[in-house]
């Protein structure tokens, strides 16, 4: 590493800093719910991906006040990008996603991100509807 190079902080360290800040800003109940959701998400990401491996069943009993999913999105954005300049943006179909500051400041890039989010949500809804139809037909 050159003398001018600044050591890069790892994403999980940034999340730790962010959570430390949130602990002082959020109500204790919201913070507890956010941590439970974050820990469950990280555990789910570590689950086996082989279709023959058994998956665990996790049921969370958390109160998703507006701050909890917003902060969870920010945490997932930090983990995915290693950056703390995340902004929550509305996709336009009632859902939100997270964007870094460059995308959020670029109207064209933001439109493209939102369009991708809407399409992804549309496909997920089609899958849910198909599975629901299959379940109903087999009952």
C-alpha atoms as a PDB file:
ATOM      1  CA  UNK A   1       0.000   0.000   0.000  1.00  0.00           C
ATOM      2  CA  UNK A   2       1.411   3.389  -0.925  1.00  0.00           C
ATOM      3  CA  UNK A   3       1.922   6.107   1.660  1.00  0.00           C
ATOM      4  CA  UNK A   4      -0.946   8.091   0.108  1.00  0.00           C
ATOM      5  CA  UNK A   5      -3.417   5.212   0.154  1.00  0.00           C
ATOM      6  CA  UNK A   6      -6.110   5.298   2.806  1.00  0.00           C
ATOM      7  CA  UNK A   7      -7.038   1.907   4.239  1.00  0.00           C
ATOM      8  CA  UNK A   8     -10.473   0.914   2.995  1.00  0.00           C
ATOM      9  CA  UNK A   9     -13.092   0.298   5.656  1.00  0.00           C
ATOM     10  CA  UNK A  10     -14.939  -2.978   5.113  1.00  0.00           C
ATOM     11  CA  UNK A  11     -18.702  -2.965   4.510  1.00  0.00           C
ATOM     12  CA  UNK A  12     -19.489  -4.838   7.722  1.00  0.00           C
ATOM     13  CA  UNK A  13     -17.504  -2.238   9.687  1.00  0.00           C
ATOM     14  CA  UNK A  14     -19.521   0.541   8.050  1.00  0.00           C
ATOM     15  CA  UNK A  15     -22.732  -1.269   8.979  1.00  0.00           C
ATOM     16  CA  UNK A  16     -21.473  -1.524  12.565  1.00  0.00           C
ATOM     17  CA  UNK A  17     -20.891   2.237  12.641  1.00  0.00           C
ATOM     18  CA  UNK A  18     -24.297   2.864  11.109  1.00  0.00           C
ATOM     19  CA  UNK A  19     -26.028   0.585  13.618  1.00  0.00           C
ATOM     20  CA  UNK A  20     -24.193   2.285  16.501  1.00  0.00           C
ATOM     21  CA  UNK A  21     -25.584   5.611  15.304  1.00  0.00           C
ATOM     22  CA  UNK A  22     -29.085   4.236  14.841  1.00  0.00           C
ATOM     23  CA  UNK A  23     -29.096   2.800  18.349  1.00  0.00           C
ATOM     24  CA  UNK A  24     -28.990   6.369  19.635  1.00  0.00           C
ATOM     25  CA  UNK A  25     -31.555   7.705  17.149  1.00  0.00           C
ATOM     26  CA  UNK A  26     -34.256   5.040  17.026  1.00  0.00           C
ATOM     27  CA  UNK A  27     -36.618   3.953  19.744  1.00  0.00           C
ATOM     28  CA  UNK A  28     -35.390   0.831  21.561  1.00  0.00           C
ATOM     29  CA  UNK A  29     -38.233  -1.241  20.072  1.00  0.00           C
ATOM     30  CA  UNK A  30     -37.520  -0.092  16.506  1.00  0.00           C
ATOM     31  CA  UNK A  31     -33.807  -0.697  16.929  1.00  0.00           C
ATOM     32  CA  UNK A  32     -34.432  -4.194  18.300  1.00  0.00           C
ATOM     33  CA  UNK A  33     -36.723  -4.962  15.354  1.00  0.00           C
ATOM     34  CA  UNK A  34     -34.166  -3.603  12.883  1.00  0.00           C
ATOM     35  CA  UNK A  35     -31.387  -5.742  14.367  1.00  0.00           C
ATOM     36  CA  UNK A  36     -33.623  -8.840  14.299  1.00  0.00           C
ATOM     37  CA  UNK A  37     -34.500  -8.218  10.640  1.00  0.00           C
ATOM     38  CA  UNK A  38     -30.859  -7.560   9.736  1.00  0.00           C
ATOM     39  CA  UNK A  39     -29.570 -10.652  11.537  1.00  0.00           C
ATOM     40  CA  UNK A  40     -32.278 -12.832   9.969  1.00  0.00           C
ATOM     41  CA  UNK A  41     -31.424 -11.437   6.516  1.00  0.00           C
ATOM     42  CA  UNK A  42     -27.732 -12.131   6.947  1.00  0.00           C
ATOM     43  CA  UNK A  43     -28.475 -15.633   8.214  1.00  0.00           C
ATOM     44  CA  UNK A  44     -30.718 -16.278   5.208  1.00  0.00           C
ATOM     45  CA  UNK A  45     -27.919 -15.152   2.877  1.00  0.00           C
ATOM     46  CA  UNK A  46     -25.618 -17.692   4.494  1.00  0.00           C
ATOM     47  CA  UNK A  47     -28.090 -20.553   4.019  1.00  0.00           C
ATOM     48  CA  UNK A  48     -27.198 -23.382   1.665  1.00  0.00           C
ATOM     49  CA  UNK A  49     -28.068 -22.829  -1.968  1.00  0.00           C
ATOM     50  CA  UNK A  50     -27.992 -26.453  -3.081  1.00  0.00           C
ATOM     51  CA  UNK A  51     -31.594 -27.524  -3.732  1.00  0.00           C
ATOM     52  CA  UNK A  52     -30.950 -30.758  -1.810  1.00  0.00           C
ATOM     53  CA  UNK A  53     -29.810 -28.998   1.382  1.00  0.00           C
ATOM     54  CA  UNK A  54     -32.407 -28.477   4.063  1.00  0.00           C
ATOM     55  CA  UNK A  55     -33.412 -24.892   4.620  1.00  0.00           C
ATOM     56  CA  UNK A  56     -34.330 -23.575   8.003  1.00  0.00           C
ATOM     57  CA  UNK A  57     -37.654 -21.918   8.628  1.00  0.00           C
ATOM     58  CA  UNK A  58     -37.427 -18.524  10.272  1.00  0.00           C
ATOM     59  CA  UNK A  59     -40.460 -16.579  11.328  1.00  0.00           C
ATOM     60  CA  UNK A  60     -39.867 -13.067  12.524  1.00  0.00           C
ATOM     61  CA  UNK A  61     -42.254 -11.304  14.803  1.00  0.00           C
ATOM     62  CA  UNK A  62     -41.176  -7.721  14.209  1.00  0.00           C
ATOM     63  CA  UNK A  63     -43.154  -4.522  13.991  1.00  0.00           C
ATOM     64  CA  UNK A  64     -42.246  -2.945  10.673  1.00  0.00           C
ATOM     65  CA  UNK A  65     -42.763   0.706  11.482  1.00  0.00           C
ATOM     66  CA  UNK A  66     -41.750   2.930   8.522  1.00  0.00           C
ATOM     67  CA  UNK A  67     -38.233   3.490   9.889  1.00  0.00           C
ATOM     68  CA  UNK A  68     -37.383  -0.214  10.155  1.00  0.00           C
ATOM     69  CA  UNK A  69     -37.596  -1.248   6.454  1.00  0.00           C
ATOM     70  CA  UNK A  70     -36.035   2.053   5.370  1.00  0.00           C
ATOM     71  CA  UNK A  71     -33.025   1.559   7.616  1.00  0.00           C
ATOM     72  CA  UNK A  72     -32.855  -2.124   6.664  1.00  0.00           C
ATOM     73  CA  UNK A  73     -32.674  -1.107   2.986  1.00  0.00           C
ATOM     74  CA  UNK A  74     -29.873   1.303   3.839  1.00  0.00           C
ATOM     75  CA  UNK A  75     -27.972  -1.417   5.704  1.00  0.00           C
ATOM     76  CA  UNK A  76     -28.346  -3.840   2.796  1.00  0.00           C
ATOM     77  CA  UNK A  77     -27.151  -1.074   0.445  1.00  0.00           C
ATOM     78  CA  UNK A  78     -24.071  -0.482   2.586  1.00  0.00           C
ATOM     79  CA  UNK A  79     -23.318  -4.213   2.661  1.00  0.00           C
ATOM     80  CA  UNK A  80     -23.759  -4.508  -1.098  1.00  0.00           C
ATOM     81  CA  UNK A  81     -21.774  -1.452  -2.095  1.00  0.00           C
ATOM     82  CA  UNK A  82     -19.357  -0.826   0.765  1.00  0.00           C
ATOM     83  CA  UNK A  83     -20.513   2.800   0.715  1.00  0.00           C
ATOM     84  CA  UNK A  84     -22.552   4.848   3.171  1.00  0.00           C
ATOM     85  CA  UNK A  85     -24.053   7.338   0.731  1.00  0.00           C
ATOM     86  CA  UNK A  86     -27.239   5.364   0.192  1.00  0.00           C
ATOM     87  CA  UNK A  87     -30.577   7.032  -0.484  1.00  0.00           C
ATOM     88  CA  UNK A  88     -33.955   5.373  -0.380  1.00  0.00           C
ATOM     89  CA  UNK A  89     -35.981   6.036  -3.517  1.00  0.00           C
ATOM     90  CA  UNK A  90     -39.562   5.165  -4.351  1.00  0.00           C
ATOM     91  CA  UNK A  91     -39.792   2.870  -7.344  1.00  0.00           C
ATOM     92  CA  UNK A  92     -43.261   4.058  -8.309  1.00  0.00           C
ATOM     93  CA  UNK A  93     -45.329   0.965  -7.589  1.00  0.00           C
ATOM     94  CA  UNK A  94     -45.536   1.440  -3.837  1.00  0.00           C
ATOM     95  CA  UNK A  95     -42.134  -0.093  -3.165  1.00  0.00           C
ATOM     96  CA  UNK A  96     -38.732   1.397  -2.442  1.00  0.00           C
ATOM     97  CA  UNK A  97     -35.140   0.575  -3.267  1.00  0.00           C
ATOM     98  CA  UNK A  98     -31.780   1.968  -2.346  1.00  0.00           C
ATOM     99  CA  UNK A  99     -29.484   3.944  -4.642  1.00  0.00           C
ATOM    100  CA  UNK A 100     -26.045   5.453  -4.194  1.00  0.00           C
ATOM    101  CA  UNK A 101     -25.643   9.226  -4.406  1.00  0.00           C
ATOM    102  CA  UNK A 102     -24.506   9.217  -8.057  1.00  0.00           C
ATOM    103  CA  UNK A 103     -27.547   7.267  -9.259  1.00  0.00           C
ATOM    104  CA  UNK A 104     -29.900   9.331  -7.074  1.00  0.00           C
ATOM    105  CA  UNK A 105     -28.471  12.551  -8.576  1.00  0.00           C
ATOM    106  CA  UNK A 106     -28.704  11.345 -12.191  1.00  0.00           C
ATOM    107  CA  UNK A 107     -32.334  11.526 -13.390  1.00  0.00           C
ATOM    108  CA  UNK A 108     -31.791   9.082 -16.263  1.00  0.00           C
ATOM    109  CA  UNK A 109     -29.968   6.527 -14.114  1.00  0.00           C
ATOM    110  CA  UNK A 110     -32.622   6.891 -11.423  1.00  0.00           C
ATOM    111  CA  UNK A 111     -35.425   6.342 -13.971  1.00  0.00           C
ATOM    112  CA  UNK A 112     -33.649   3.203 -15.213  1.00  0.00           C
ATOM    113  CA  UNK A 113     -33.169   1.885 -11.652  1.00  0.00           C
ATOM    114  CA  UNK A 114     -36.834   2.486 -10.844  1.00  0.00           C
ATOM    115  CA  UNK A 115     -37.950   0.835 -14.087  1.00  0.00           C
ATOM    116  CA  UNK A 116     -35.830  -2.223 -13.228  1.00  0.00           C
ATOM    117  CA  UNK A 117     -37.364  -2.303  -9.757  1.00  0.00           C
ATOM    118  CA  UNK A 118     -40.924  -2.100 -11.102  1.00  0.00           C
ATOM    119  CA  UNK A 119     -40.224  -4.883 -13.600  1.00  0.00           C
ATOM    120  CA  UNK A 120     -38.644  -7.078 -10.924  1.00  0.00           C
ATOM    121  CA  UNK A 121     -41.664  -6.493  -8.662  1.00  0.00           C
ATOM    122  CA  UNK A 122     -44.068  -7.269 -11.538  1.00  0.00           C
ATOM    123  CA  UNK A 123     -42.306 -10.570 -12.219  1.00  0.00           C
ATOM    124  CA  UNK A 124     -42.326 -11.492  -8.531  1.00  0.00           C
ATOM    125  CA  UNK A 125     -46.058 -10.776  -8.368  1.00  0.00           C
ATOM    126  CA  UNK A 126     -46.645 -12.965 -11.431  1.00  0.00           C
ATOM    127  CA  UNK A 127     -44.715 -15.773  -9.725  1.00  0.00           C
ATOM    128  CA  UNK A 128     -46.750 -15.371  -6.521  1.00  0.00           C
ATOM    129  CA  UNK A 129     -49.989 -15.397  -8.516  1.00  0.00           C
ATOM    130  CA  UNK A 130     -48.912 -18.517 -10.417  1.00  0.00           C
ATOM    131  CA  UNK A 131     -47.942 -20.343  -7.223  1.00  0.00           C
ATOM    132  CA  UNK A 132     -51.203 -19.295  -5.583  1.00  0.00           C
ATOM    133  CA  UNK A 133     -53.111 -20.640  -8.618  1.00  0.00           C
ATOM    134  CA  UNK A 134     -51.244 -23.936  -8.448  1.00  0.00           C
ATOM    135  CA  UNK A 135     -51.920 -24.227  -4.721  1.00  0.00           C
ATOM    136  CA  UNK A 136     -55.606 -23.433  -5.207  1.00  0.00           C
ATOM    137  CA  UNK A 137     -55.946 -25.911  -8.090  1.00  0.00           C
ATOM    138  CA  UNK A 138     -54.270 -28.688  -6.111  1.00  0.00           C
ATOM    139  CA  UNK A 139     -56.445 -28.190  -3.029  1.00  0.00           C
END
